Protein backbone atom coordinates (compact mmCIF):
# COMPACT_ATOMS: atom_id res chain seq x y z
CA MET A 1 39.12 121.63 300.48
CA SER A 2 38.13 120.38 296.93
CA GLU A 3 37.97 123.67 295.50
CA LEU A 4 41.29 124.75 296.45
CA ARG A 5 42.37 121.18 294.65
CA ASP A 6 40.38 121.85 291.69
CA ARG A 7 41.98 125.32 291.30
CA GLU A 8 45.46 123.93 291.68
CA ILE A 9 44.72 121.05 289.54
CA GLU A 10 43.28 123.86 286.65
CA ARG A 11 46.84 125.74 287.46
CA LEU A 12 48.86 122.61 286.91
CA GLN A 13 47.00 122.18 283.53
CA ARG A 14 47.41 125.38 282.62
CA GLU A 15 51.42 125.01 283.21
CA LEU A 16 51.36 122.17 281.53
CA GLU A 17 49.96 123.31 278.08
CA GLN A 18 52.02 126.50 278.43
CA ALA A 19 55.33 124.14 278.57
CA LYS A 20 54.40 121.94 275.76
CA ALA A 21 53.57 125.21 273.66
CA ARG A 22 57.10 126.15 274.57
CA GLU A 23 58.54 123.06 273.93
CA GLU A 24 56.93 122.92 270.00
CA GLN A 25 57.70 126.30 269.39
CA GLU A 26 61.46 125.58 270.48
CA ARG A 27 61.47 122.45 268.03
CA ARG A 28 59.73 124.59 265.39
CA GLU A 29 62.55 126.93 266.04
CA LYS A 30 65.45 124.17 266.09
CA GLU A 31 63.95 122.70 262.49
CA GLN A 32 64.15 126.10 260.93
CA ALA A 33 67.59 126.79 262.15
CA GLU A 34 68.42 123.47 260.93
CA LYS A 35 67.19 124.11 257.21
CA ARG A 36 68.96 127.46 257.71
CA ALA A 37 72.24 126.04 258.10
CA GLU A 38 71.70 123.19 255.35
CA ALA A 39 70.79 125.83 252.92
CA ALA A 40 73.82 127.80 253.48
CA GLU A 41 75.77 124.71 253.66
CA ARG A 42 74.56 123.55 249.99
CA GLN A 43 75.36 127.46 248.90
CA VAL A 44 79.23 127.32 249.98
CA GLN A 45 79.57 123.77 249.28
CA LYS A 46 81.96 123.06 246.71
CA THR A 47 80.97 122.03 242.97
CA THR A 48 81.91 118.64 241.66
CA LEU A 49 83.29 118.58 238.11
CA LYS A 50 80.81 116.79 237.10
CA GLU A 51 78.17 119.08 238.51
CA TYR A 52 79.68 122.33 237.02
CA LEU A 53 80.28 120.46 233.28
CA ARG A 54 76.71 119.56 233.59
CA GLU A 55 75.38 123.08 234.42
CA THR A 56 77.98 124.78 232.32
CA ALA A 57 76.45 122.43 229.27
CA THR A 58 72.86 123.07 230.46
CA SER A 59 73.22 126.63 230.38
CA THR A 60 75.37 126.86 227.01
CA PHE A 61 73.32 124.73 225.05
CA SER A 62 69.89 125.49 225.74
CA LYS A 63 67.37 127.98 224.39
CA PRO A 64 68.31 131.52 224.76
CA SER A 65 65.03 132.71 227.01
CA GLY A 66 64.32 136.45 227.45
CA LEU A 67 65.24 136.94 223.90
CA PRO A 68 62.63 138.83 221.65
CA THR A 69 61.22 136.98 219.25
CA ARG A 70 59.22 137.95 215.99
CA THR A 71 55.94 137.51 217.75
CA PHE A 72 56.79 140.37 220.23
CA LEU A 73 58.15 142.91 217.42
CA PRO A 74 55.72 145.99 216.75
CA ARG A 75 53.56 145.64 213.50
CA ASP A 76 55.37 149.06 212.46
CA ALA A 77 58.92 147.55 212.70
CA PRO A 78 60.87 147.60 209.05
CA ARG A 79 60.93 144.18 207.16
CA MET A 80 63.91 142.88 205.90
CA SER A 81 63.52 141.77 202.02
CA ARG A 82 64.83 138.59 200.87
CA ALA A 83 66.69 140.49 198.31
CA SER A 84 68.80 142.19 200.82
CA ALA A 85 69.43 139.36 203.19
CA THR A 86 72.99 137.52 202.65
CA TYR A 87 72.55 133.64 203.22
CA PRO A 88 74.53 130.86 201.80
CA MET A 89 73.59 129.65 198.04
CA TRP A 90 74.76 126.00 199.19
CA LEU A 91 75.71 123.87 202.12
CA ARG A 92 78.52 121.26 202.39
CA PRO A 93 79.42 118.62 204.82
CA TRP A 94 81.95 119.27 207.05
CA SER A 95 83.15 115.79 207.80
CA GLY A 96 86.27 116.45 209.93
CA PHE A 97 84.01 118.83 212.58
CA ALA A 98 83.78 115.89 215.02
CA ASP A 99 87.59 114.96 214.80
CA LEU A 100 89.09 118.47 214.66
CA GLN A 101 86.41 119.65 217.78
CA HIS A 102 87.72 116.49 220.23
CA LEU A 103 91.65 118.03 219.25
CA THR A 104 90.78 121.75 220.28
CA ASN A 105 88.15 121.06 223.11
CA PRO A 106 88.76 118.20 225.42
CA ALA A 107 85.74 119.60 227.53
CA VAL A 108 83.87 117.71 224.64
CA ASP A 109 85.38 114.29 225.75
CA LEU A 110 84.82 115.13 229.04
CA LEU A 111 81.08 115.47 228.75
CA ALA A 112 81.12 112.35 226.75
CA LEU A 113 82.36 110.64 229.58
CA LEU A 114 80.30 111.56 232.21
CA GLU A 115 77.20 110.99 230.16
CA ILE A 116 75.69 114.68 230.68
């Protein structure tokens, strides 16, 4: 009789462990589904003007990446002599540039207002 009871207890314990394992698996699957849903929602979420301007300014004014630099040029690459280079002999200040920029590009004013 006690042997039968022991087997029944063992069987019930196994069933309980299996039920707990199933419950844990279902909980993990539910969390993963929620994370996927949140990621999908973020992907289709509308961008605010502030977010758009910040991203545009960041990508526009950031240093270009992936462009070859002098260190990546082959040693036998032709070099340009200073005599053939054209460059300004002198620079002069452009005092009206900021005013002209604000007149022609209202996005500059928006960026200043949004403190990007």
